[in-house]
C-alpha cells in the first residue's frame, strides 16, 4: 500500500486518485508545451509565407520588365514569338536564347 508523507497508508481508491491527479497534471503540462511549439512553428511559417510572397512579387515584376525588354526590341514577329514559346512544333531553331 502506498503511503502519504504523514506515513498513513492510503486506500486503493485514494492511491488511484492521487496517481490520476499527477497524471492529469503531467498531461496538461505536455499539452501546453505542444501548443507553445505549434505557436512558434506557426509564427515561423507565417513569416516565411510573407517572405516568399515578397520574393514572388519581385520575380513577377522582373519577369514583366524582361518581357518588356524583349517586346521592345525590334525583331521579326516570328522570332519574338519563338523566344516566348509561341511557335509551333519544329520551329525551335528560330528561337532566341536568353541567358538568365
PDB file of N, CA and C in Angstrom:
ATOM      1  N   UNK A   1       0.819  -1.173   0.000  1.00  0.00           N
ATOM      2  CA  UNK A   1       0.000   0.000   0.000  1.00  0.00           C
ATOM      3  C   UNK A   1       0.872   1.249   0.000  1.00  0.00           C
ATOM      4  N   UNK A   2       0.461   2.249  -0.776  1.00  0.00           N
ATOM      5  CA  UNK A   2       1.209   3.492  -0.815  1.00  0.00           C
ATOM      6  C   UNK A   2       0.926   4.313   0.431  1.00  0.00           C
ATOM      7  N   UNK A   3       1.867   5.158   0.794  1.00  0.00           N
ATOM      8  CA  UNK A   3       1.706   5.979   1.994  1.00  0.00           C
ATOM      9  C   UNK A   3       1.901   7.443   1.639  1.00  0.00           C
ATOM     10  N   UNK A   4       1.142   8.303   2.276  1.00  0.00           N
ATOM     11  CA  UNK A   4       1.352   9.736   2.167  1.00  0.00           C
ATOM     12  C   UNK A   4       2.587  10.115   2.953  1.00  0.00           C
ATOM     13  N   UNK A   5       2.961  11.373   2.873  1.00  0.00           N
ATOM     14  CA  UNK A   5       4.133  11.837   3.616  1.00  0.00           C
ATOM     15  C   UNK A   5       3.945  11.673   5.127  1.00  0.00           C
ATOM     16  N   UNK A   6       2.720  11.714   5.581  1.00  0.00           N
ATOM     17  CA  UNK A   6       2.465  11.584   7.026  1.00  0.00           C
ATOM     18  C   UNK A   6       2.632  10.147   7.497  1.00  0.00           C
ATOM     19  N   UNK A   7       2.794   9.221   6.557  1.00  0.00           N
ATOM     20  CA  UNK A   7       3.006   7.830   6.912  1.00  0.00           C
ATOM     21  C   UNK A   7       1.721   7.036   7.048  1.00  0.00           C
ATOM     22  N   UNK A   8       0.598   7.674   6.804  1.00  0.00           N
ATOM     23  CA  UNK A   8      -0.686   6.980   6.905  1.00  0.00           C
ATOM     24  C   UNK A   8      -0.929   6.231   5.600  1.00  0.00           C
ATOM     25  N   UNK A   9      -1.234   4.955   5.651  1.00  0.00           N
ATOM     26  CA  UNK A   9      -1.483   4.205   4.421  1.00  0.00           C
ATOM     27  C   UNK A   9      -2.732   4.720   3.705  1.00  0.00           C
ATOM     28  N   UNK A  10      -2.662   4.655   2.363  1.00  0.00           N
ATOM     29  CA  UNK A  10      -3.791   5.097   1.539  1.00  0.00           C
ATOM     30  C   UNK A  10      -4.632   3.893   1.147  1.00  0.00           C
ATOM     31  N   UNK A  11      -5.901   4.164   0.970  1.00  0.00           N
ATOM     32  CA  UNK A  11      -6.763   3.110   0.429  1.00  0.00           C
ATOM     33  C   UNK A  11      -6.472   3.019  -1.058  1.00  0.00           C
ATOM     34  N   UNK A  12      -6.805   1.903  -1.686  1.00  0.00           N
ATOM     35  CA  UNK A  12      -6.575   1.801  -3.139  1.00  0.00           C
ATOM     36  C   UNK A  12      -7.265   2.917  -3.926  1.00  0.00           C
ATOM     37  N   UNK A  13      -8.439   3.338  -3.526  1.00  0.00           N
ATOM     38  CA  UNK A  13      -9.147   4.413  -4.227  1.00  0.00           C
ATOM     39  C   UNK A  13      -8.407   5.744  -4.089  1.00  0.00           C
ATOM     40  N   UNK A  14      -7.916   6.033  -2.878  1.00  0.00           N
ATOM     41  CA  UNK A  14      -7.163   7.278  -2.674  1.00  0.00           C
ATOM     42  C   UNK A  14      -5.862   7.264  -3.463  1.00  0.00           C
ATOM     43  N   UNK A  15      -5.195   6.116  -3.478  1.00  0.00           N
ATOM     44  CA  UNK A  15      -3.946   5.994  -4.237  1.00  0.00           C
ATOM     45  C   UNK A  15      -4.203   6.202  -5.727  1.00  0.00           C
ATOM     46  N   UNK A  16      -5.291   5.606  -6.222  1.00  0.00           N
ATOM     47  CA  UNK A  16      -5.635   5.744  -7.642  1.00  0.00           C
ATOM     48  C   UNK A  16      -5.927   7.207  -7.969  1.00  0.00           C
ATOM     49  N   UNK A  17      -6.668   7.894  -7.096  1.00  0.00           N
ATOM     50  CA  UNK A  17      -6.985   9.301  -7.336  1.00  0.00           C
ATOM     51  C   UNK A  17      -5.714  10.153  -7.328  1.00  0.00           C
ATOM     52  N   UNK A  18      -4.792   9.886  -6.402  1.00  0.00           N
ATOM     53  CA  UNK A  18      -3.533  10.636  -6.334  1.00  0.00           C
ATOM     54  C   UNK A  18      -2.715  10.443  -7.614  1.00  0.00           C
ATOM     55  N   UNK A  19      -2.622   9.183  -8.072  1.00  0.00           N
ATOM     56  CA  UNK A  19      -1.873   8.920  -9.306  1.00  0.00           C
ATOM     57  C   UNK A  19      -2.556   9.556 -10.509  1.00  0.00           C
ATOM     58  N   UNK A  20      -3.891   9.523 -10.529  1.00  0.00           N
ATOM     59  CA  UNK A  20      -4.633  10.127 -11.635  1.00  0.00           C
ATOM     60  C   UNK A  20      -4.441  11.645 -11.656  1.00  0.00           C
ATOM     61  N   UNK A  21      -4.438  12.266 -10.499  1.00  0.00           N
ATOM     62  CA  UNK A  21      -4.211  13.711 -10.406  1.00  0.00           C
ATOM     63  C   UNK A  21      -2.822  14.078 -10.941  1.00  0.00           C
ATOM     64  N   UNK A  22      -1.829  13.280 -10.555  1.00  0.00           N
ATOM     65  CA  UNK A  22      -0.471  13.531 -11.032  1.00  0.00           C
ATOM     66  C   UNK A  22      -0.375  13.336 -12.546  1.00  0.00           C
ATOM     67  N   UNK A  23      -1.039  12.302 -13.055  1.00  0.00           N
ATOM     68  CA  UNK A  23      -1.020  12.050 -14.495  1.00  0.00           C
ATOM     69  C   UNK A  23      -1.710  13.186 -15.245  1.00  0.00           C
ATOM     70  N   UNK A  24      -2.807  13.694 -14.712  1.00  0.00           N
ATOM     71  CA  UNK A  24      -3.518  14.818 -15.335  1.00  0.00           C
ATOM     72  C   UNK A  24      -2.639  16.061 -15.385  1.00  0.00           C
ATOM     73  N   UNK A  25      -1.909  16.312 -14.306  1.00  0.00           N
ATOM     74  CA  UNK A  25      -1.013  17.473 -14.270  1.00  0.00           C
ATOM     75  C   UNK A  25       0.082  17.330 -15.322  1.00  0.00           C
ATOM     76  N   UNK A  26       0.650  16.123 -15.434  1.00  0.00           N
ATOM     77  CA  UNK A  26       1.681  15.900 -16.464  1.00  0.00           C
ATOM     78  C   UNK A  26       1.103  16.097 -17.851  1.00  0.00           C
ATOM     79  N   UNK A  27      -0.119  15.611 -18.098  1.00  0.00           N
ATOM     80  CA  UNK A  27      -0.755  15.758 -19.400  1.00  0.00           C
ATOM     81  C   UNK A  27      -0.975  17.235 -19.735  1.00  0.00           C
ATOM     82  N   UNK A  28      -1.472  18.017 -18.770  1.00  0.00           N
ATOM     83  CA  UNK A  28      -1.707  19.445 -19.009  1.00  0.00           C
ATOM     84  C   UNK A  28      -0.407  20.168 -19.336  1.00  0.00           C
ATOM     85  N   UNK A  29       0.676  19.804 -18.658  1.00  0.00           N
ATOM     86  CA  UNK A  29       1.968  20.420 -18.924  1.00  0.00           C
ATOM     87  C   UNK A  29       2.455  20.088 -20.336  1.00  0.00           C
ATOM     88  N   UNK A  30       2.342  18.814 -20.710  1.00  0.00           N
ATOM     89  CA  UNK A  30       2.754  18.410 -22.067  1.00  0.00           C
ATOM     90  C   UNK A  30       1.907  19.110 -23.121  1.00  0.00           C
ATOM     91  N   UNK A  31       0.613  19.254 -22.858  1.00  0.00           N
ATOM     92  CA  UNK A  31      -0.281  19.913 -23.806  1.00  0.00           C
ATOM     93  C   UNK A  31       0.130  21.369 -24.002  1.00  0.00           C
ATOM     94  N   UNK A  32       0.451  22.063 -22.908  1.00  0.00           N
ATOM     95  CA  UNK A  32       0.901  23.454 -23.005  1.00  0.00           C
ATOM     96  C   UNK A  32       2.194  23.547 -23.806  1.00  0.00           C
ATOM     97  N   UNK A  33       3.113  22.621 -23.586  1.00  0.00           N
ATOM     98  CA  UNK A  33       4.376  22.620 -24.328  1.00  0.00           C
ATOM     99  C   UNK A  33       4.137  22.384 -25.816  1.00  0.00           C
ATOM    100  N   UNK A  34       3.238  21.437 -26.144  1.00  0.00           N
ATOM    101  CA  UNK A  34       2.907  21.176 -27.553  1.00  0.00           C
ATOM    102  C   UNK A  34       2.298  22.413 -28.201  1.00  0.00           C
ATOM    103  N   UNK A  35       1.365  23.061 -27.494  1.00  0.00           N
ATOM    104  CA  UNK A  35       0.725  24.253 -28.040  1.00  0.00           C
ATOM    105  C   UNK A  35       1.717  25.389 -28.237  1.00  0.00           C
ATOM    106  N   UNK A  36       2.647  25.545 -27.311  1.00  0.00           N
ATOM    107  CA  UNK A  36       3.673  26.586 -27.447  1.00  0.00           C
ATOM    108  C   UNK A  36       4.565  26.300 -28.649  1.00  0.00           C
ATOM    109  N   UNK A  37       4.917  25.035 -28.845  1.00  0.00           N
ATOM    110  CA  UNK A  37       5.746  24.663 -30.001  1.00  0.00           C
ATOM    111  C   UNK A  37       4.987  24.917 -31.299  1.00  0.00           C
ATOM    112  N   UNK A  38       3.699  24.602 -31.303  1.00  0.00           N
ATOM    113  CA  UNK A  38       2.897  24.849 -32.506  1.00  0.00           C
ATOM    114  C   UNK A  38       2.779  26.339 -32.795  1.00  0.00           C
ATOM    115  N   UNK A  39       2.644  27.162 -31.758  1.00  0.00           N
ATOM    116  CA  UNK A  39       2.583  28.615 -31.939  1.00  0.00           C
ATOM    117  C   UNK A  39       3.894  29.149 -32.528  1.00  0.00           C
ATOM    118  N   UNK A  40       5.029  28.649 -32.007  1.00  0.00           N
ATOM    119  CA  UNK A  40       6.330  29.078 -32.547  1.00  0.00           C
ATOM    120  C   UNK A  40       6.440  28.689 -34.020  1.00  0.00           C
ATOM    121  N   UNK A  41       6.024  27.462 -34.340  1.00  0.00           N
ATOM    122  CA  UNK A  41       6.079  26.996 -35.719  1.00  0.00           C
ATOM    123  C   UNK A  41       5.159  27.828 -36.609  1.00  0.00           C
ATOM    124  N   UNK A  42       3.984  28.173 -36.107  1.00  0.00           N
ATOM    125  CA  UNK A  42       3.040  28.996 -36.858  1.00  0.00           C
ATOM    126  C   UNK A  42       3.643  30.355 -37.174  1.00  0.00           C
ATOM    127  N   UNK A  43       4.251  30.996 -36.186  1.00  0.00           N
ATOM    128  CA  UNK A  43       4.875  32.305 -36.409  1.00  0.00           C
ATOM    129  C   UNK A  43       5.996  32.210 -37.447  1.00  0.00           C
ATOM    130  N   UNK A  44       6.801  31.151 -37.344  1.00  0.00           N
ATOM    131  CA  UNK A  44       7.886  30.955 -38.309  1.00  0.00           C
ATOM    132  C   UNK A  44       7.318  30.781 -39.721  1.00  0.00           C
ATOM    133  N   UNK A  45       6.287  29.947 -39.861  1.00  0.00           N
ATOM    134  CA  UNK A  45       5.714  29.696 -41.180  1.00  0.00           C
ATOM    135  C   UNK A  45       5.021  30.934 -41.742  1.00  0.00           C
ATOM    136  N   UNK A  46       4.367  31.711 -40.881  1.00  0.00           N
ATOM    137  CA  UNK A  46       3.732  32.940 -41.358  1.00  0.00           C
ATOM    138  C   UNK A  46       4.769  33.923 -41.879  1.00  0.00           C
ATOM    139  N   UNK A  47       5.893  34.056 -41.179  1.00  0.00           N
ATOM    140  CA  UNK A  47       6.940  34.967 -41.659  1.00  0.00           C
ATOM    141  C   UNK A  47       7.545  34.445 -42.956  1.00  0.00           C
ATOM    142  N   UNK A  48       7.660  33.127 -43.076  1.00  0.00           N
ATOM    143  CA  UNK A  48       8.195  32.533 -44.312  1.00  0.00           C
ATOM    144  C   UNK A  48       7.247  32.789 -45.490  1.00  0.00           C
ATOM    145  N   UNK A  49       5.937  32.717 -45.231  1.00  0.00           N
ATOM    146  CA  UNK A  49       4.947  32.993 -46.282  1.00  0.00           C
ATOM    147  C   UNK A  49       5.078  34.430 -46.761  1.00  0.00           C
ATOM    148  N   UNK A  50       5.206  35.365 -45.822  1.00  0.00           N
ATOM    149  CA  UNK A  50       5.352  36.776 -46.193  1.00  0.00           C
ATOM    150  C   UNK A  50       6.618  36.965 -47.026  1.00  0.00           C
ATOM    151  N   UNK A  51       7.696  36.339 -46.584  1.00  0.00           N
ATOM    152  CA  UNK A  51       8.974  36.436 -47.310  1.00  0.00           C
ATOM    153  C   UNK A  51       8.844  35.886 -48.732  1.00  0.00           C
ATOM    154  N   UNK A  52       8.209  34.734 -48.876  1.00  0.00           N
ATOM    155  CA  UNK A  52       8.049  34.121 -50.202  1.00  0.00           C
ATOM    156  C   UNK A  52       7.105  34.926 -51.088  1.00  0.00           C
ATOM    157  N   UNK A  53       6.066  35.527 -50.487  1.00  0.00           N
ATOM    158  CA  UNK A  53       5.163  36.376 -51.281  1.00  0.00           C
ATOM    159  C   UNK A  53       5.906  37.596 -51.805  1.00  0.00           C
ATOM    160  N   UNK A  54       6.772  38.189 -50.967  1.00  0.00           N
ATOM    161  CA  UNK A  54       7.581  39.327 -51.418  1.00  0.00           C
ATOM    162  C   UNK A  54       8.492  38.908 -52.571  1.00  0.00           C
ATOM    163  N   UNK A  55       9.127  37.747 -52.404  1.00  0.00           N
ATOM    164  CA  UNK A  55      10.035  37.263 -53.452  1.00  0.00           C
ATOM    165  C   UNK A  55       9.269  36.994 -54.746  1.00  0.00           C
ATOM    166  N   UNK A  56       8.084  36.386 -54.645  1.00  0.00           N
ATOM    167  CA  UNK A  56       7.274  36.104 -55.832  1.00  0.00           C
ATOM    168  C   UNK A  56       6.875  37.402 -56.532  1.00  0.00           C
ATOM    169  N   UNK A  57       6.487  38.412 -55.751  1.00  0.00           N
ATOM    170  CA  UNK A  57       6.108  39.695 -56.348  1.00  0.00           C
ATOM    171  C   UNK A  57       7.295  40.321 -57.066  1.00  0.00           C
ATOM    172  N   UNK A  58       8.476  40.263 -56.452  1.00  0.00           N
ATOM    173  CA  UNK A  58       9.673  40.785 -57.104  1.00  0.00           C
ATOM    174  C   UNK A  58       9.992  40.050 -58.392  1.00  0.00           C
ATOM    175  N   UNK A  59       9.816  38.730 -58.371  1.00  0.00           N
ATOM    176  CA  UNK A  59      10.074  37.945 -59.585  1.00  0.00           C
ATOM    177  C   UNK A  59       9.042  38.247 -60.674  1.00  0.00           C
ATOM    178  N   UNK A  60       7.781  38.493 -60.264  1.00  0.00           N
ATOM    179  CA  UNK A  60       6.765  38.869 -61.258  1.00  0.00           C
ATOM    180  C   UNK A  60       7.129  40.194 -61.921  1.00  0.00           C
ATOM    181  N   UNK A  61       7.587  41.151 -61.078  1.00  0.00           N
ATOM    182  CA  UNK A  61       7.983  42.452 -61.636  1.00  0.00           C
ATOM    183  C   UNK A  61       9.170  42.291 -62.584  1.00  0.00           C
ATOM    184  N   UNK A  62      10.154  41.501 -62.151  1.00  0.00           N
ATOM    185  CA  UNK A  62      11.328  41.274 -63.001  1.00  0.00           C
ATOM    186  C   UNK A  62      10.932  40.596 -64.301  1.00  0.00           C
ATOM    187  N   UNK A  63      10.037  39.618 -64.216  1.00  0.00           N
ATOM    188  CA  UNK A  63       9.572  38.916 -65.412  1.00  0.00           C
ATOM    189  C   UNK A  63       8.884  39.900 -66.360  1.00  0.00           C
ATOM    190  N   UNK A  64       8.027  40.756 -65.825  1.00  0.00           N
ATOM    191  CA  UNK A  64       7.360  41.756 -66.663  1.00  0.00           C
ATOM    192  C   UNK A  64       8.357  42.708 -67.298  1.00  0.00           C
ATOM    193  N   UNK A  65       9.350  43.122 -66.504  1.00  0.00           N
ATOM    194  CA  UNK A  65      10.368  44.025 -67.032  1.00  0.00           C
ATOM    195  C   UNK A  65      11.149  43.355 -68.164  1.00  0.00           C
ATOM    196  N   UNK A  66      11.539  42.084 -67.963  1.00  0.00           N
ATOM    197  CA  UNK A  66      12.289  41.365 -69.000  1.00  0.00           C
ATOM    198  C   UNK A  66      11.435  41.130 -70.237  1.00  0.00           C
ATOM    199  N   UNK A  67      10.152  40.820 -70.039  1.00  0.00           N
ATOM    200  CA  UNK A  67       9.261  40.662 -71.202  1.00  0.00           C
ATOM    201  C   UNK A  67       9.132  41.982 -71.949  1.00  0.00           C
ATOM    202  N   UNK A  68       9.089  43.080 -71.194  1.00  0.00           N
ATOM    203  CA  UNK A  68       9.023  44.393 -71.832  1.00  0.00           C
ATOM    204  C   UNK A  68      10.263  44.670 -72.643  1.00  0.00           C
ATOM    205  N   UNK A  69      11.422  44.273 -72.140  1.00  0.00           N
ATOM    206  CA  UNK A  69      12.658  44.443 -72.909  1.00  0.00           C
ATOM    207  C   UNK A  69      12.618  43.628 -74.186  1.00  0.00           C
ATOM    208  N   UNK A  70      12.119  42.412 -74.061  1.00  0.00           N
ATOM    209  CA  UNK A  70      12.069  41.521 -75.211  1.00  0.00           C
ATOM    210  C   UNK A  70      11.093  42.040 -76.253  1.00  0.00           C
ATOM    211  N   UNK A  71       9.954  42.512 -75.832  1.00  0.00           N
ATOM    212  CA  UNK A  71       8.944  43.037 -76.757  1.00  0.00           C
ATOM    213  C   UNK A  71       9.419  44.358 -77.331  1.00  0.00           C
ATOM    214  N   UNK A  72      10.158  45.145 -76.576  1.00  0.00           N
ATOM    215  CA  UNK A  72      10.635  46.442 -77.030  1.00  0.00           C
ATOM    216  C   UNK A  72      11.706  46.353 -78.103  1.00  0.00           C
ATOM    217  N   UNK A  73      12.351  45.216 -78.266  1.00  0.00           N
ATOM    218  CA  UNK A  73      13.394  45.036 -79.273  1.00  0.00           C
ATOM    219  C   UNK A  73      12.734  44.865 -80.630  1.00  0.00           C
ATOM    220  N   UNK A  74      13.296  45.516 -81.650  1.00  0.00           N
ATOM    221  CA  UNK A  74      12.752  45.372 -82.995  1.00  0.00           C
ATOM    222  C   UNK A  74      13.244  44.075 -83.612  1.00  0.00           C
ATOM    223  N   UNK A  75      12.454  43.029 -83.462  1.00  0.00           N
ATOM    224  CA  UNK A  75      12.776  41.746 -84.070  1.00  0.00           C
ATOM    225  C   UNK A  75      11.568  41.300 -84.871  1.00  0.00           C
ATOM    226  N   UNK A  76      11.776  40.481 -85.888  1.00  0.00           N
ATOM    227  CA  UNK A  76      10.637  39.986 -86.655  1.00  0.00           C
ATOM    228  C   UNK A  76       9.645  39.257 -85.745  1.00  0.00           C
ATOM    229  N   UNK A  77       8.374  39.332 -86.070  1.00  0.00           N
ATOM    230  CA  UNK A  77       7.324  38.782 -85.216  1.00  0.00           C
ATOM    231  C   UNK A  77       7.517  37.296 -84.948  1.00  0.00           C
ATOM    232  N   UNK A  78       7.922  36.520 -85.928  1.00  0.00           N
ATOM    233  CA  UNK A  78       8.101  35.086 -85.732  1.00  0.00           C
ATOM    234  C   UNK A  78       9.223  34.774 -84.763  1.00  0.00           C
ATOM    235  N   UNK A  79      10.281  35.571 -84.805  1.00  0.00           N
ATOM    236  CA  UNK A  79      11.405  35.339 -83.904  1.00  0.00           C
ATOM    237  C   UNK A  79      11.019  35.715 -82.481  1.00  0.00           C
ATOM    238  N   UNK A  80      10.301  36.812 -82.317  1.00  0.00           N
ATOM    239  CA  UNK A  80       9.863  37.221 -80.983  1.00  0.00           C
ATOM    240  C   UNK A  80       8.908  36.181 -80.406  1.00  0.00           C
ATOM    241  N   UNK A  81       8.009  35.654 -81.222  1.00  0.00           N
ATOM    242  CA  UNK A  81       7.075  34.632 -80.755  1.00  0.00           C
ATOM    243  C   UNK A  81       7.829  33.371 -80.357  1.00  0.00           C
ATOM    244  N   UNK A  82       8.870  33.040 -81.123  1.00  0.00           N
ATOM    245  CA  UNK A  82       9.645  31.841 -80.805  1.00  0.00           C
ATOM    246  C   UNK A  82      10.366  32.004 -79.473  1.00  0.00           C
ATOM    247  N   UNK A  83      10.782  33.217 -79.149  1.00  0.00           N
ATOM    248  CA  UNK A  83      11.530  33.425 -77.910  1.00  0.00           C
ATOM    249  C   UNK A  83      10.659  33.276 -76.667  1.00  0.00           C
ATOM    250  N   UNK A  84       9.353  33.458 -76.802  1.00  0.00           N
ATOM    251  CA  UNK A  84       8.475  33.296 -75.656  1.00  0.00           C
ATOM    252  C   UNK A  84       7.667  32.018 -75.751  1.00  0.00           C
ATOM    253  N   UNK A  85       8.024  31.138 -76.669  1.00  0.00           N
ATOM    254  CA  UNK A  85       7.400  29.825 -76.745  1.00  0.00           C
ATOM    255  C   UNK A  85       6.068  29.806 -77.472  1.00  0.00           C
ATOM    256  N   UNK A  86       5.836  30.735 -78.388  1.00  0.00           N
ATOM    257  CA  UNK A  86       4.567  30.785 -79.095  1.00  0.00           C
ATOM    258  C   UNK A  86       4.646  30.166 -80.494  1.00  0.00           C
ATOM    259  N   UNK A  87       5.685  29.432 -80.774  1.00  0.00           N
ATOM    260  CA  UNK A  87       5.838  28.817 -82.083  1.00  0.00           C
ATOM    261  C   UNK A  87       5.252  27.419 -82.077  1.00  0.00           C
ATOM    262  N   UNK A  88       5.057  26.893 -83.257  1.00  0.00           N
ATOM    263  CA  UNK A  88       4.538  25.537 -83.388  1.00  0.00           C
ATOM    264  C   UNK A  88       5.657  24.524 -83.317  1.00  0.00           C
ATOM    265  N   UNK A  89       5.312  23.248 -83.477  1.00  0.00           N
ATOM    266  CA  UNK A  89       6.343  22.202 -83.440  1.00  0.00           C
ATOM    267  C   UNK A  89       7.344  22.348 -84.576  1.00  0.00           C
ATOM    268  N   UNK A  90       8.583  22.081 -84.314  1.00  0.00           N
ATOM    269  CA  UNK A  90       9.623  22.128 -85.331  1.00  0.00           C
ATOM    270  C   UNK A  90      10.183  23.508 -85.577  1.00  0.00           C
ATOM    271  N   UNK A  91       9.725  24.530 -84.881  1.00  0.00           N
ATOM    272  CA  UNK A  91      10.207  25.888 -85.104  1.00  0.00           C
ATOM    273  C   UNK A  91      11.177  26.340 -84.022  1.00  0.00           C
ATOM    274  N   UNK A  92      11.699  25.392 -83.222  1.00  0.00           N
ATOM    275  CA  UNK A  92      12.607  25.749 -82.145  1.00  0.00           C
ATOM    276  C   UNK A  92      13.911  26.349 -82.657  1.00  0.00           C
ATOM    277  N   UNK A  93      14.291  26.031 -83.888  1.00  0.00           N
ATOM    278  CA  UNK A  93      15.565  26.526 -84.416  1.00  0.00           C
ATOM    279  C   UNK A  93      15.581  28.031 -84.559  1.00  0.00           C
ATOM    280  N   UNK A  94      14.398  28.675 -84.648  1.00  0.00           N
ATOM    281  CA  UNK A  94      14.326  30.124 -84.788  1.00  0.00           C
ATOM    282  C   UNK A  94      14.316  30.853 -83.450  1.00  0.00           C
ATOM    283  N   UNK A  95      14.238  30.114 -82.357  1.00  0.00           N
ATOM    284  CA  UNK A  95      14.084  30.742 -81.040  1.00  0.00           C
ATOM    285  C   UNK A  95      15.348  31.484 -80.641  1.00  0.00           C
ATOM    286  N   UNK A  96      15.149  32.585 -79.954  1.00  0.00           N
ATOM    287  CA  UNK A  96      16.261  33.367 -79.406  1.00  0.00           C
ATOM    288  C   UNK A  96      16.590  32.809 -78.037  1.00  0.00           C
ATOM    289  N   UNK A  97      17.861  32.597 -77.774  1.00  0.00           N
ATOM    290  CA  UNK A  97      18.266  32.099 -76.470  1.00  0.00           C
ATOM    291  C   UNK A  97      18.655  33.286 -75.609  1.00  0.00           C
ATOM    292  N   UNK A  98      18.047  33.366 -74.425  1.00  0.00           N
ATOM    293  CA  UNK A  98      18.326  34.446 -73.485  1.00  0.00           C
ATOM    294  C   UNK A  98      18.885  33.820 -72.228  1.00  0.00           C
ATOM    295  N   UNK A  99      20.095  34.244 -71.819  1.00  0.00           N
ATOM    296  CA  UNK A  99      20.685  33.741 -70.577  1.00  0.00           C
ATOM    297  C   UNK A  99      20.099  34.513 -69.408  1.00  0.00           C
ATOM    298  N   UNK A 100      19.712  33.766 -68.377  1.00  0.00           N
ATOM    299  CA  UNK A 100      19.125  34.425 -67.198  1.00  0.00           C
ATOM    300  C   UNK A 100      20.183  34.847 -66.226  1.00  0.00           C
TER     301      UNK A 100
END
